[in-house]
Amino acid sequence: MKRWKDLVHEAEQEIQLLQVNEVKGKMDQQADFLLIDVRESEEYQKGRIPEAASIPRGVLEMTIERRVNDKAKLIILHCAGG
């Protein structure tokens, strides 16, 4: 059985960390991607990117498939912690 550290390491091999200016560039180019804000509702209400869908991290796995029809589509997650 894999430990959580092993699972995180495997996921990190497939996840690209983007800087704010890179995401803004994609938005300016009107690239086709889904932007999801995974912060809790209180944080989201204090300030948000207007195009971002709010799906708090605690329910992401349970709700993502309802929001994403195209599994090949780029998904960018916005969080408070990087």
N, C-alpha and C. Protein backbone atom coordinates (compact mmCIF):
# COMPACT_ATOMS: atom_id res chain seq x y z
N MET A 1 0.84 -1.18 0.00
CA MET A 1 0.00 0.00 0.00
C MET A 1 0.89 1.24 0.00
N LYS A 2 0.55 2.19 -0.86
CA LYS A 2 1.34 3.41 -0.97
C LYS A 2 1.04 4.34 0.20
N ARG A 3 2.10 5.00 0.65
CA ARG A 3 1.94 6.01 1.70
C ARG A 3 1.52 7.32 1.05
N TRP A 4 0.97 8.23 1.84
CA TRP A 4 0.50 9.49 1.29
C TRP A 4 1.65 10.28 0.65
N LYS A 5 2.84 10.16 1.19
CA LYS A 5 3.99 10.87 0.60
C LYS A 5 4.29 10.34 -0.80
N ASP A 6 4.11 9.04 -1.00
CA ASP A 6 4.33 8.45 -2.32
C ASP A 6 3.29 8.97 -3.31
N LEU A 7 2.05 9.04 -2.88
CA LEU A 7 0.98 9.55 -3.75
C LEU A 7 1.22 11.00 -4.12
N VAL A 8 1.64 11.81 -3.16
CA VAL A 8 1.93 13.22 -3.43
C VAL A 8 3.09 13.34 -4.41
N HIS A 9 4.13 12.55 -4.21
CA HIS A 9 5.28 12.59 -5.11
C HIS A 9 4.87 12.22 -6.54
N GLU A 10 4.05 11.21 -6.69
CA GLU A 10 3.57 10.81 -8.02
C GLU A 10 2.75 11.93 -8.67
N ALA A 11 1.90 12.55 -7.90
CA ALA A 11 1.07 13.64 -8.43
C ALA A 11 1.93 14.82 -8.85
N GLU A 12 2.96 15.12 -8.08
CA GLU A 12 3.83 16.24 -8.41
C GLU A 12 4.54 16.06 -9.74
N GLN A 13 4.71 14.83 -10.18
CA GLN A 13 5.36 14.56 -11.46
C GLN A 13 4.47 14.97 -12.64
N GLU A 14 3.17 15.08 -12.40
CA GLU A 14 2.22 15.39 -13.46
C GLU A 14 1.62 16.80 -13.35
N ILE A 15 1.94 17.50 -12.28
CA ILE A 15 1.36 18.81 -12.02
C ILE A 15 2.40 19.89 -12.29
N GLN A 16 1.99 20.91 -13.02
CA GLN A 16 2.87 22.03 -13.31
C GLN A 16 2.45 23.21 -12.44
N LEU A 17 3.39 23.80 -11.72
CA LEU A 17 3.12 24.96 -10.91
C LEU A 17 3.25 26.20 -11.78
N LEU A 18 2.20 27.00 -11.85
CA LEU A 18 2.20 28.21 -12.66
C LEU A 18 2.30 29.44 -11.77
N GLN A 19 2.98 30.45 -12.27
CA GLN A 19 3.05 31.73 -11.58
C GLN A 19 1.85 32.58 -12.01
N VAL A 20 1.55 33.60 -11.23
CA VAL A 20 0.40 34.46 -11.49
C VAL A 20 0.47 35.05 -12.91
N ASN A 21 1.64 35.51 -13.32
CA ASN A 21 1.76 36.13 -14.64
C ASN A 21 1.51 35.12 -15.77
N GLU A 22 1.81 33.85 -15.53
CA GLU A 22 1.55 32.82 -16.54
C GLU A 22 0.05 32.58 -16.70
N VAL A 23 -0.66 32.55 -15.58
CA VAL A 23 -2.12 32.37 -15.64
C VAL A 23 -2.76 33.59 -16.29
N LYS A 24 -2.30 34.78 -15.91
CA LYS A 24 -2.84 36.00 -16.53
C LYS A 24 -2.59 35.99 -18.03
N GLY A 25 -1.44 35.53 -18.45
CA GLY A 25 -1.14 35.44 -19.88
C GLY A 25 -2.10 34.52 -20.59
N LYS A 26 -2.41 33.39 -19.98
CA LYS A 26 -3.39 32.46 -20.57
C LYS A 26 -4.76 33.11 -20.67
N MET A 27 -5.11 33.87 -19.63
CA MET A 27 -6.41 34.55 -19.64
C MET A 27 -6.43 35.63 -20.73
N ASP A 28 -5.35 36.39 -20.84
CA ASP A 28 -5.27 37.43 -21.86
C ASP A 28 -5.34 36.85 -23.27
N GLN A 29 -4.78 35.65 -23.46
CA GLN A 29 -4.80 34.98 -24.76
C GLN A 29 -6.11 34.24 -25.00
N GLN A 30 -6.99 34.29 -24.00
CA GLN A 30 -8.26 33.58 -24.04
C GLN A 30 -8.06 32.09 -24.30
N ALA A 31 -7.05 31.53 -23.65
CA ALA A 31 -6.78 30.09 -23.75
C ALA A 31 -7.97 29.32 -23.18
N ASP A 32 -8.15 28.11 -23.67
CA ASP A 32 -9.26 27.28 -23.23
C ASP A 32 -8.84 26.45 -22.01
N PHE A 33 -9.24 26.92 -20.85
CA PHE A 33 -8.94 26.20 -19.61
C PHE A 33 -10.02 26.50 -18.59
N LEU A 34 -10.07 25.68 -17.57
CA LEU A 34 -11.01 25.87 -16.47
C LEU A 34 -10.22 26.32 -15.26
N LEU A 35 -10.60 27.45 -14.69
CA LEU A 35 -9.94 27.99 -13.51
C LEU A 35 -10.83 27.70 -12.30
N ILE A 36 -10.27 27.00 -11.33
CA ILE A 36 -11.02 26.63 -10.13
C ILE A 36 -10.31 27.19 -8.90
N ASP A 37 -11.05 27.91 -8.09
CA ASP A 37 -10.55 28.45 -6.83
C ASP A 37 -10.90 27.43 -5.74
N VAL A 38 -9.88 26.84 -5.13
CA VAL A 38 -10.12 25.78 -4.15
C VAL A 38 -10.07 26.28 -2.70
N ARG A 39 -10.05 27.60 -2.53
CA ARG A 39 -10.06 28.14 -1.18
C ARG A 39 -11.46 28.00 -0.57
N GLU A 40 -11.53 28.11 0.73
CA GLU A 40 -12.82 28.04 1.42
C GLU A 40 -13.65 29.28 1.09
N SER A 41 -14.94 29.19 1.28
CA SER A 41 -15.88 30.25 0.91
C SER A 41 -15.51 31.60 1.50
N GLU A 42 -15.07 31.62 2.76
CA GLU A 42 -14.72 32.89 3.41
C GLU A 42 -13.58 33.58 2.67
N GLU A 43 -12.57 32.81 2.26
CA GLU A 43 -11.44 33.37 1.53
C GLU A 43 -11.88 33.83 0.14
N TYR A 44 -12.70 33.03 -0.51
CA TYR A 44 -13.18 33.34 -1.85
C TYR A 44 -13.96 34.66 -1.85
N GLN A 45 -14.77 34.89 -0.82
CA GLN A 45 -15.58 36.11 -0.74
C GLN A 45 -14.72 37.35 -0.50
N LYS A 46 -13.56 37.20 0.11
CA LYS A 46 -12.69 38.35 0.39
C LYS A 46 -12.02 38.86 -0.87
N GLY A 47 -11.89 38.03 -1.86
CA GLY A 47 -11.24 38.43 -3.10
C GLY A 47 -11.11 37.23 -4.00
N ARG A 48 -11.44 37.43 -5.28
CA ARG A 48 -11.42 36.29 -6.19
C ARG A 48 -11.14 36.74 -7.60
N ILE A 49 -10.78 35.78 -8.43
CA ILE A 49 -10.63 36.02 -9.85
C ILE A 49 -12.03 35.81 -10.44
N PRO A 50 -12.60 36.81 -11.11
CA PRO A 50 -13.99 36.70 -11.58
C PRO A 50 -14.29 35.45 -12.41
N GLU A 51 -13.34 34.98 -13.19
CA GLU A 51 -13.58 33.82 -14.06
C GLU A 51 -13.50 32.49 -13.32
N ALA A 52 -13.05 32.51 -12.08
CA ALA A 52 -12.80 31.27 -11.34
C ALA A 52 -14.09 30.68 -10.77
N ALA A 53 -14.23 29.39 -10.94
CA ALA A 53 -15.32 28.66 -10.30
C ALA A 53 -14.88 28.33 -8.88
N SER A 54 -15.78 28.42 -7.94
CA SER A 54 -15.46 28.11 -6.55
C SER A 54 -15.82 26.66 -6.25
N ILE A 55 -14.78 25.87 -5.97
CA ILE A 55 -14.98 24.49 -5.50
C ILE A 55 -13.97 24.30 -4.36
N PRO A 56 -14.42 24.45 -3.11
CA PRO A 56 -13.49 24.31 -1.99
C PRO A 56 -12.76 22.98 -2.00
N ARG A 57 -11.52 23.01 -1.56
CA ARG A 57 -10.65 21.83 -1.59
C ARG A 57 -11.30 20.62 -0.92
N GLY A 58 -12.03 20.84 0.13
CA GLY A 58 -12.62 19.73 0.87
C GLY A 58 -13.65 18.93 0.09
N VAL A 59 -14.20 19.51 -0.98
CA VAL A 59 -15.21 18.80 -1.78
C VAL A 59 -14.79 18.63 -3.24
N LEU A 60 -13.56 18.96 -3.54
CA LEU A 60 -13.09 18.94 -4.93
C LEU A 60 -13.28 17.58 -5.60
N GLU A 61 -12.83 16.53 -4.96
CA GLU A 61 -12.93 15.19 -5.56
C GLU A 61 -14.37 14.77 -5.79
N MET A 62 -15.26 15.22 -4.92
CA MET A 62 -16.67 14.82 -5.04
C MET A 62 -17.42 15.59 -6.11
N THR A 63 -16.92 16.78 -6.49
CA THR A 63 -17.69 17.62 -7.40
C THR A 63 -17.02 17.90 -8.74
N ILE A 64 -15.75 17.60 -8.89
CA ILE A 64 -15.03 17.99 -10.10
C ILE A 64 -15.62 17.37 -11.36
N GLU A 65 -16.07 16.16 -11.30
CA GLU A 65 -16.59 15.51 -12.50
C GLU A 65 -17.88 16.15 -13.01
N ARG A 66 -18.61 16.81 -12.13
CA ARG A 66 -19.81 17.53 -12.57
C ARG A 66 -19.45 18.80 -13.33
N ARG A 67 -18.26 19.35 -13.08
CA ARG A 67 -17.84 20.59 -13.70
C ARG A 67 -17.00 20.39 -14.96
N VAL A 68 -16.36 19.23 -15.07
CA VAL A 68 -15.43 18.99 -16.17
C VAL A 68 -15.95 17.87 -17.06
N ASN A 69 -16.38 18.25 -18.25
CA ASN A 69 -16.85 17.25 -19.21
C ASN A 69 -15.72 16.70 -20.06
N ASP A 70 -14.77 17.56 -20.39
CA ASP A 70 -13.64 17.20 -21.25
C ASP A 70 -12.43 16.90 -20.38
N LYS A 71 -12.07 15.64 -20.24
CA LYS A 71 -10.97 15.27 -19.36
C LYS A 71 -9.61 15.68 -19.90
N ALA A 72 -9.55 16.10 -21.15
CA ALA A 72 -8.29 16.57 -21.73
C ALA A 72 -8.10 18.08 -21.53
N LYS A 73 -9.13 18.75 -21.03
CA LYS A 73 -9.08 20.21 -20.85
C LYS A 73 -8.11 20.58 -19.72
N LEU A 74 -7.38 21.65 -19.94
CA LEU A 74 -6.46 22.15 -18.93
C LEU A 74 -7.27 22.68 -17.74
N ILE A 75 -6.86 22.30 -16.54
CA ILE A 75 -7.50 22.77 -15.32
C ILE A 75 -6.43 23.47 -14.50
N ILE A 76 -6.72 24.70 -14.11
CA ILE A 76 -5.81 25.45 -13.24
C ILE A 76 -6.50 25.66 -11.91
N LEU A 77 -5.82 25.26 -10.84
CA LEU A 77 -6.36 25.42 -9.49
C LEU A 77 -5.69 26.61 -8.82
N HIS A 78 -6.52 27.45 -8.21
CA HIS A 78 -6.02 28.62 -7.48
C HIS A 78 -6.24 28.35 -6.00
N CYS A 79 -5.17 28.51 -5.21
CA CYS A 79 -5.31 28.30 -3.77
C CYS A 79 -4.54 29.37 -3.03
N ALA A 80 -4.68 29.40 -1.73
CA ALA A 80 -4.00 30.40 -0.93
C ALA A 80 -2.55 30.00 -0.62
N GLY A 81 -2.28 28.72 -0.68
CA GLY A 81 -0.97 28.26 -0.22
C GLY A 81 0.04 27.93 -1.30
N GLY A 82 -0.31 28.09 -2.57
CA GLY A 82 0.64 27.78 -3.63
C GLY A 82 0.56 26.40 -4.05
